[in-house]
Amino acid sequence: MSAEIAHIPVALARCVELLTPAIISKSKPYLIDATLGLGGHAKAFLTTFANLQLIGIDRDKKALEIATAGLSQFSDRTHLFHNTYDQFDSILNQLGISSVDAILFDLGVSSMQLDQADRGFSYSQDAPLDMRMDQSAKLTAEVVLNTYNHGELAKLLQNYGEEKFASKIAENIIKARSSGRLKSTKDLAEIVKQSIPAPARRTGGNPAKRTFQALRIEVNQELAVLERAIPAALSALSVGGRLVVMSYQSLEDKIVKTHFAQATKSNTPLGLPIDLPNSAASYKLLLSSSQAADESEQLSNPRSQSMRLRAIERVAA
């Protein structure tokens, strides 16, 4: 099965529903799909809104090639960029616009990246230790695994993978690399398995999942990019503009939640019955907390099972 056929956009109807009010009232609305991937969400929006201008961003050149082909019928309304999703200012400057009406983030690794065994994202297939979303980048999982010391590896696995056995895994990684037993994703998965006590391996899915997540985040600097991207996205919204973010693990969702809480916080001192002039928040939450995919979607699209969606609107300049 090809990546294109296998790709099912997560929470598609909900994303359209939440962003429609920001798009429908404009004569020439702009939507940024900050994580374009194979273009599933983008195609739905371009089909739904005949006057929509799409700005698509992805760091994966292969994904951009596929999306470009898939969106070719909308080429007069699409502007695609090979970049990370924190570069809003640069991209908007290139287009000569100052703000947009809607922004969508669908975070994490894409179905295409998981399906392509040679990319090294999947612990269920043997592949080179790569894990780069942007294959022109220099840092790979192989570099991390072969150059980081024990402390750096343990901290990485603990912080980005929330791995309880980070120190033992790091110790065994260093032993394996010293003896030439760390050459592929299969080797790494086996090292992780041997590092975790049998009782702990019986729950929570594949024991390598957390280690692979941590390495992927490090190689692609995902959390650092996201920390910059959310404030940049909020600033890029026009008044009435909306931002929807879909996260797939708690570290991402925590960053989004924190920035949304800061953006919607009034500067009026506690105890006053009304907001002081210029003290009201410029943004409001569209959902009181994160929202999961509905049960039917979770059954039909396994990728949606860990998804948490948050949405916010700009209400003042």
Protein backbone atom coordinates (compact mmCIF):
# COMPACT_ATOMS: atom_id res chain seq x y z
CA MET A 1 0.00 0.00 0.00
CA SER A 2 1.44 3.39 -0.95
CA ALA A 3 1.87 6.20 1.54
CA GLU A 4 -0.66 8.26 -0.41
CA ILE A 5 -3.35 5.60 -0.16
CA ALA A 6 -2.57 4.81 3.48
CA HIS A 7 -2.69 8.44 4.56
CA ILE A 8 -5.89 9.41 6.37
CA PRO A 9 -6.00 13.02 7.65
CA VAL A 10 -6.71 13.09 11.39
CA ALA A 11 -9.81 14.92 12.71
CA LEU A 12 -10.41 16.39 9.26
CA ALA A 13 -14.07 17.33 9.75
CA ARG A 14 -13.34 18.87 13.16
CA CYS A 15 -10.48 20.97 11.76
CA VAL A 16 -12.68 22.27 8.95
CA GLU A 17 -15.48 23.02 11.43
CA LEU A 18 -13.21 24.97 13.79
CA LEU A 19 -11.41 27.00 11.11
CA THR A 20 -14.41 27.74 8.86
CA PRO A 21 -15.58 30.86 10.78
CA ALA A 22 -12.16 32.46 10.27
CA ILE A 23 -12.13 31.66 6.55
CA ILE A 24 -15.67 32.03 5.28
CA SER A 25 -16.10 35.75 5.85
CA LYS A 26 -13.01 36.80 3.86
CA SER A 27 -12.85 37.47 0.14
CA LYS A 28 -9.29 36.13 -0.10
CA PRO A 29 -8.58 34.14 3.05
CA TYR A 30 -5.14 32.68 3.81
CA LEU A 31 -4.63 29.35 5.57
CA ILE A 32 -1.22 28.11 6.70
CA ASP A 33 -0.92 24.34 6.83
CA ALA A 34 2.24 24.36 8.93
CA THR A 35 2.75 20.61 8.63
CA LEU A 36 1.65 19.94 5.07
CA GLY A 37 2.66 16.27 4.91
CA LEU A 38 0.95 14.58 1.99
CA GLY A 39 -1.58 17.41 1.71
CA GLY A 40 -4.70 15.62 2.97
CA HIS A 41 -5.95 18.45 5.18
CA ALA A 42 -4.88 21.06 2.63
CA LYS A 43 -6.78 19.42 -0.22
CA ALA A 44 -9.98 19.31 1.85
CA PHE A 45 -9.74 23.02 2.65
CA LEU A 46 -8.93 24.01 -0.95
CA THR A 47 -11.87 21.94 -2.17
CA THR A 48 -14.26 23.39 0.41
CA PHE A 49 -13.30 27.06 -0.02
CA ALA A 50 -12.97 28.16 -3.65
CA ASN A 51 -11.29 31.48 -2.78
CA LEU A 52 -8.81 30.07 -0.23
CA GLN A 53 -5.09 30.73 -0.58
CA LEU A 54 -3.02 27.92 0.97
CA ILE A 55 0.46 28.34 2.41
CA GLY A 56 1.93 24.88 2.94
CA ILE A 57 5.09 24.23 4.94
CA ASP A 58 7.04 21.01 5.38
CA ARG A 59 10.67 20.17 6.16
CA ASP A 60 10.42 16.86 4.27
CA LYS A 61 11.21 17.33 0.57
CA LYS A 62 9.66 13.97 -0.36
CA ALA A 63 6.39 14.95 1.33
CA LEU A 64 6.44 18.28 -0.52
CA GLU A 65 6.89 16.49 -3.85
CA ILE A 66 3.90 14.24 -3.16
CA ALA A 67 1.77 17.14 -1.88
CA THR A 68 2.68 19.30 -4.88
CA ALA A 69 1.47 16.58 -7.23
CA GLY A 70 -1.66 15.93 -5.18
CA LEU A 71 -2.58 19.61 -5.05
CA SER A 72 -1.67 20.39 -8.68
CA GLN A 73 -5.27 21.26 -9.59
CA PHE A 74 -5.06 24.09 -7.04
CA SER A 75 -1.61 25.34 -8.10
CA ASP A 76 -2.89 28.88 -8.64
CA ARG A 77 -3.94 29.02 -4.97
CA THR A 78 -1.06 27.20 -3.28
CA HIS A 79 2.29 28.47 -2.03
CA LEU A 80 4.52 25.65 -0.79
CA PHE A 81 7.71 26.02 1.23
CA HIS A 82 10.48 23.66 2.29
CA ASN A 83 11.10 24.91 5.81
CA THR A 84 10.43 24.31 9.49
CA TYR A 85 7.12 25.52 10.86
CA ASP A 86 8.61 28.23 13.08
CA GLN A 87 9.57 30.39 10.07
CA PHE A 88 6.28 32.26 9.66
CA ASP A 89 7.83 35.73 9.49
CA SER A 90 10.20 34.79 6.69
CA ILE A 91 7.51 33.02 4.68
CA LEU A 92 4.91 35.80 5.04
CA ASN A 93 7.55 38.36 4.08
CA GLN A 94 8.30 36.38 0.90
CA LEU A 95 4.59 36.45 0.04
CA GLY A 96 4.21 40.13 0.91
CA ILE A 97 1.47 39.59 3.48
CA SER A 98 1.41 40.53 7.16
CA SER A 99 -1.13 38.11 8.62
CA VAL A 100 -3.28 35.06 7.88
CA ASP A 101 -6.79 33.95 8.81
CA ALA A 102 -6.25 30.33 9.82
CA ILE A 103 -3.35 28.08 10.81
CA LEU A 104 -3.28 24.31 11.24
CA PHE A 105 -0.60 22.17 12.89
CA ASP A 106 -0.69 18.36 12.66
CA LEU A 107 2.41 17.52 14.69
CA GLY A 108 4.61 14.44 14.95
CA VAL A 109 5.86 11.94 12.42
CA SER A 110 3.77 11.45 9.28
CA SER A 111 2.32 8.20 7.99
CA MET A 112 4.62 8.43 4.95
CA GLN A 113 7.71 8.73 7.12
CA LEU A 114 6.64 5.70 9.18
CA ASP A 115 5.78 3.69 6.06
CA GLN A 116 9.15 4.28 4.38
CA ALA A 117 11.33 1.74 6.17
CA ASP A 118 14.63 3.30 5.09
CA ARG A 119 13.81 6.51 6.99
CA GLY A 120 14.40 4.72 10.31
CA PHE A 121 11.36 6.08 12.17
CA SER A 122 9.75 2.70 12.82
CA TYR A 123 10.96 0.21 15.41
CA SER A 124 8.99 -2.56 13.68
CA GLN A 125 11.14 -2.52 10.52
CA ASP A 126 14.91 -2.89 10.19
CA ALA A 127 16.47 0.25 8.71
CA PRO A 128 19.42 2.65 8.97
CA LEU A 129 19.53 4.83 12.09
CA ASP A 130 18.35 8.00 10.36
CA MET A 131 15.08 9.58 11.66
CA ARG A 132 15.56 12.89 9.83
CA MET A 133 12.39 14.62 8.68
CA ASP A 134 14.59 16.88 6.53
CA GLN A 135 17.01 14.53 4.81
CA SER A 136 19.34 17.38 3.98
CA ALA A 137 20.00 17.92 7.71
CA LYS A 138 23.29 16.67 9.14
CA LEU A 139 22.20 15.25 12.49
CA THR A 140 20.94 11.66 12.35
CA ALA A 141 20.00 9.12 15.00
CA GLU A 142 23.25 7.31 14.17
CA VAL A 143 25.26 10.41 15.05
CA VAL A 144 23.39 10.86 18.33
CA LEU A 145 23.76 7.20 19.32
CA ASN A 146 27.46 7.08 18.47
CA THR A 147 28.66 10.42 19.84
CA TYR A 148 26.56 11.35 22.88
CA ASN A 149 27.99 10.29 26.25
CA HIS A 150 26.07 8.30 28.85
CA GLY A 151 24.72 11.36 30.65
CA GLU A 152 23.58 13.02 27.44
CA LEU A 153 21.85 9.88 26.20
CA ALA A 154 20.15 9.19 29.54
CA LYS A 155 18.92 12.79 29.81
CA LEU A 156 17.62 12.67 26.24
CA LEU A 157 15.70 9.43 26.82
CA GLN A 158 14.32 10.65 30.12
CA ASN A 159 13.29 14.13 28.97
CA TYR A 160 12.00 13.36 25.47
CA GLY A 161 10.89 9.75 25.90
CA GLU A 162 9.80 9.88 29.55
CA GLU A 163 11.72 6.61 29.84
CA LYS A 164 12.06 5.18 33.37
CA PHE A 165 14.99 2.98 32.40
CA ALA A 166 16.91 5.71 30.55
CA SER A 167 20.21 5.20 32.40
CA LYS A 168 20.30 1.44 31.73
CA ILE A 169 19.38 1.88 28.07
CA ALA A 170 22.10 4.53 27.67
CA GLU A 171 24.62 2.23 29.33
CA ASN A 172 23.76 -0.62 26.97
CA ILE A 173 23.82 1.66 23.91
CA ILE A 174 27.40 2.65 24.73
CA LYS A 175 28.40 -1.00 25.27
CA ALA A 176 26.80 -2.01 21.97
CA ARG A 177 28.38 0.78 19.94
CA SER A 178 31.80 0.00 21.40
CA SER A 179 31.54 -3.61 20.25
CA GLY A 180 30.01 -2.78 16.85
CA ARG A 181 26.56 -4.15 17.69
CA LEU A 182 24.61 -0.95 16.98
CA LYS A 183 24.12 -0.66 13.24
CA SER A 184 20.36 -0.49 12.60
CA THR A 185 16.94 0.20 14.08
CA LYS A 186 16.56 -3.54 14.76
CA ASP A 187 19.75 -3.47 16.84
CA LEU A 188 18.52 -0.46 18.79
CA ALA A 189 15.11 -1.99 19.47
CA GLU A 190 16.76 -5.16 20.77
CA ILE A 191 19.09 -3.17 23.05
CA VAL A 192 16.11 -1.33 24.52
CA LYS A 193 14.22 -4.58 25.03
CA GLN A 194 17.17 -6.15 26.88
CA SER A 195 17.52 -3.04 29.07
CA ILE A 196 13.96 -3.10 30.40
CA PRO A 197 12.91 -5.68 33.04
CA ALA A 198 10.47 -8.30 31.73
CA PRO A 199 7.53 -7.22 33.94
CA ALA A 200 7.79 -3.64 32.61
CA ARG A 201 7.80 -4.91 29.02
CA ARG A 202 4.41 -6.55 29.38
CA THR A 203 2.45 -3.29 29.35
CA GLY A 204 2.47 -0.08 27.31
CA GLY A 205 3.16 -1.49 23.86
CA ASN A 206 6.57 -1.91 22.25
CA PRO A 207 9.30 -1.08 24.79
CA ALA A 208 11.32 0.72 22.09
CA LYS A 209 8.57 3.28 21.43
CA ARG A 210 9.80 5.81 24.00
CA THR A 211 13.44 5.58 22.92
CA PHE A 212 12.57 6.03 19.24
CA GLN A 213 10.36 9.02 20.11
CA ALA A 214 13.17 10.63 22.12
CA LEU A 215 15.73 10.18 19.35
CA ARG A 216 13.33 11.51 16.72
CA ILE A 217 12.63 14.61 18.80
CA GLU A 218 16.36 15.21 19.31
CA VAL A 219 17.34 14.65 15.68
CA ASN A 220 14.64 17.03 14.42
CA GLN A 221 14.66 19.43 17.39
CA GLU A 222 10.88 19.12 17.39
CA LEU A 223 10.14 20.61 20.80
CA ALA A 224 12.54 23.54 20.34
CA VAL A 225 10.95 24.33 16.97
CA LEU A 226 7.46 24.04 18.46
CA GLU A 227 8.38 26.39 21.35
CA ARG A 228 9.20 29.03 18.75
CA ALA A 229 6.38 28.14 16.38
CA ILE A 230 3.34 28.62 18.61
CA PRO A 231 4.11 32.26 19.56
CA ALA A 232 5.00 32.95 15.91
CA ALA A 233 1.70 31.44 14.78
CA LEU A 234 -0.31 33.44 17.32
CA SER A 235 1.37 36.65 16.15
CA ALA A 236 0.68 35.80 12.49
CA LEU A 237 -3.09 35.57 13.01
CA SER A 238 -5.31 38.43 11.96
CA VAL A 239 -8.08 39.54 14.34
CA GLY A 240 -10.76 36.85 14.05
CA GLY A 241 -8.12 34.38 12.90
CA ARG A 242 -7.99 30.87 14.35
CA LEU A 243 -5.26 28.35 15.16
CA VAL A 244 -5.79 24.59 15.55
CA VAL A 245 -3.02 22.32 16.85
CA MET A 246 -3.08 18.53 16.95
CA SER A 247 -0.49 16.91 19.23
CA TYR A 248 0.34 13.24 19.60
CA GLN A 249 2.31 13.06 22.82
CA SER A 250 2.24 14.85 26.16
CA LEU A 251 5.40 16.91 25.67
CA GLU A 252 3.98 18.58 22.56
CA ASP A 253 0.58 19.12 24.12
CA LYS A 254 2.12 20.67 27.24
CA ILE A 255 3.93 23.29 25.12
CA VAL A 256 0.73 24.14 23.23
CA LYS A 257 -1.34 24.28 26.42
CA THR A 258 1.19 26.57 28.14
CA HIS A 259 1.37 29.06 25.25
CA PHE A 260 -2.41 29.10 24.85
CA ALA A 261 -2.85 29.74 28.59
CA GLN A 262 -0.41 32.67 28.45
CA ALA A 263 -2.07 34.14 25.36
CA THR A 264 -5.56 34.06 26.89
CA LYS A 265 -4.55 35.47 30.27
CA SER A 266 -5.82 38.95 31.17
CA ASN A 267 -3.35 41.48 32.61
CA THR A 268 -6.01 43.00 34.84
CA PRO A 269 -5.16 42.52 38.56
CA LEU A 270 -7.15 39.79 40.29
CA GLY A 271 -10.30 40.95 42.06
CA LEU A 272 -11.38 43.66 39.63
CA PRO A 273 -14.85 43.05 38.11
CA ILE A 274 -13.91 44.17 34.58
CA ASP A 275 -10.76 44.22 32.45
CA LEU A 276 -8.82 47.47 32.61
CA PRO A 277 -8.24 49.30 29.30
CA ASN A 278 -5.65 47.51 27.15
CA SER A 279 -5.46 44.68 29.69
CA ALA A 280 -7.91 42.18 28.20
CA ALA A 281 -6.43 39.13 26.52
CA SER A 282 -6.05 39.29 22.74
CA TYR A 283 -6.93 35.61 22.34
CA LYS A 284 -9.68 33.28 23.54
CA LEU A 285 -9.79 29.49 23.77
CA LEU A 286 -12.28 27.81 21.46
CA LEU A 287 -12.16 24.62 23.54
CA SER A 288 -11.90 24.59 27.32
CA SER A 289 -9.38 21.73 27.20
CA SER A 290 -7.85 19.34 24.69
CA GLN A 291 -10.17 17.23 22.57
CA ALA A 292 -9.63 13.66 21.37
CA ALA A 293 -10.71 12.14 18.07
CA ASP A 294 -14.14 10.56 18.26
CA GLU A 295 -14.43 6.84 18.94
CA SER A 296 -15.27 5.83 15.37
CA GLU A 297 -12.21 7.64 14.00
CA GLN A 298 -9.96 6.05 16.61
CA LEU A 299 -11.16 2.64 15.47
CA SER A 300 -10.73 3.36 11.75
CA ASN A 301 -7.49 5.39 11.95
CA PRO A 302 -5.05 4.15 14.63
CA ARG A 303 -2.88 7.26 14.28
CA SER A 304 -5.71 9.35 15.74
CA GLN A 305 -5.81 7.42 19.03
CA SER A 306 -3.19 9.55 20.81
CA MET A 307 -4.23 12.85 19.21
CA ARG A 308 -5.15 15.84 21.37
CA LEU A 309 -6.59 18.91 19.61
CA ARG A 310 -6.54 22.48 20.93
CA ALA A 311 -7.94 25.61 19.28
CA ILE A 312 -7.65 29.35 19.87
CA GLU A 313 -8.93 32.58 18.25
CA ARG A 314 -7.43 36.06 18.09
CA VAL A 315 -10.02 38.55 19.32
CA ALA A 316 -8.00 41.77 19.44
CA ALA A 317 -4.90 43.29 17.89
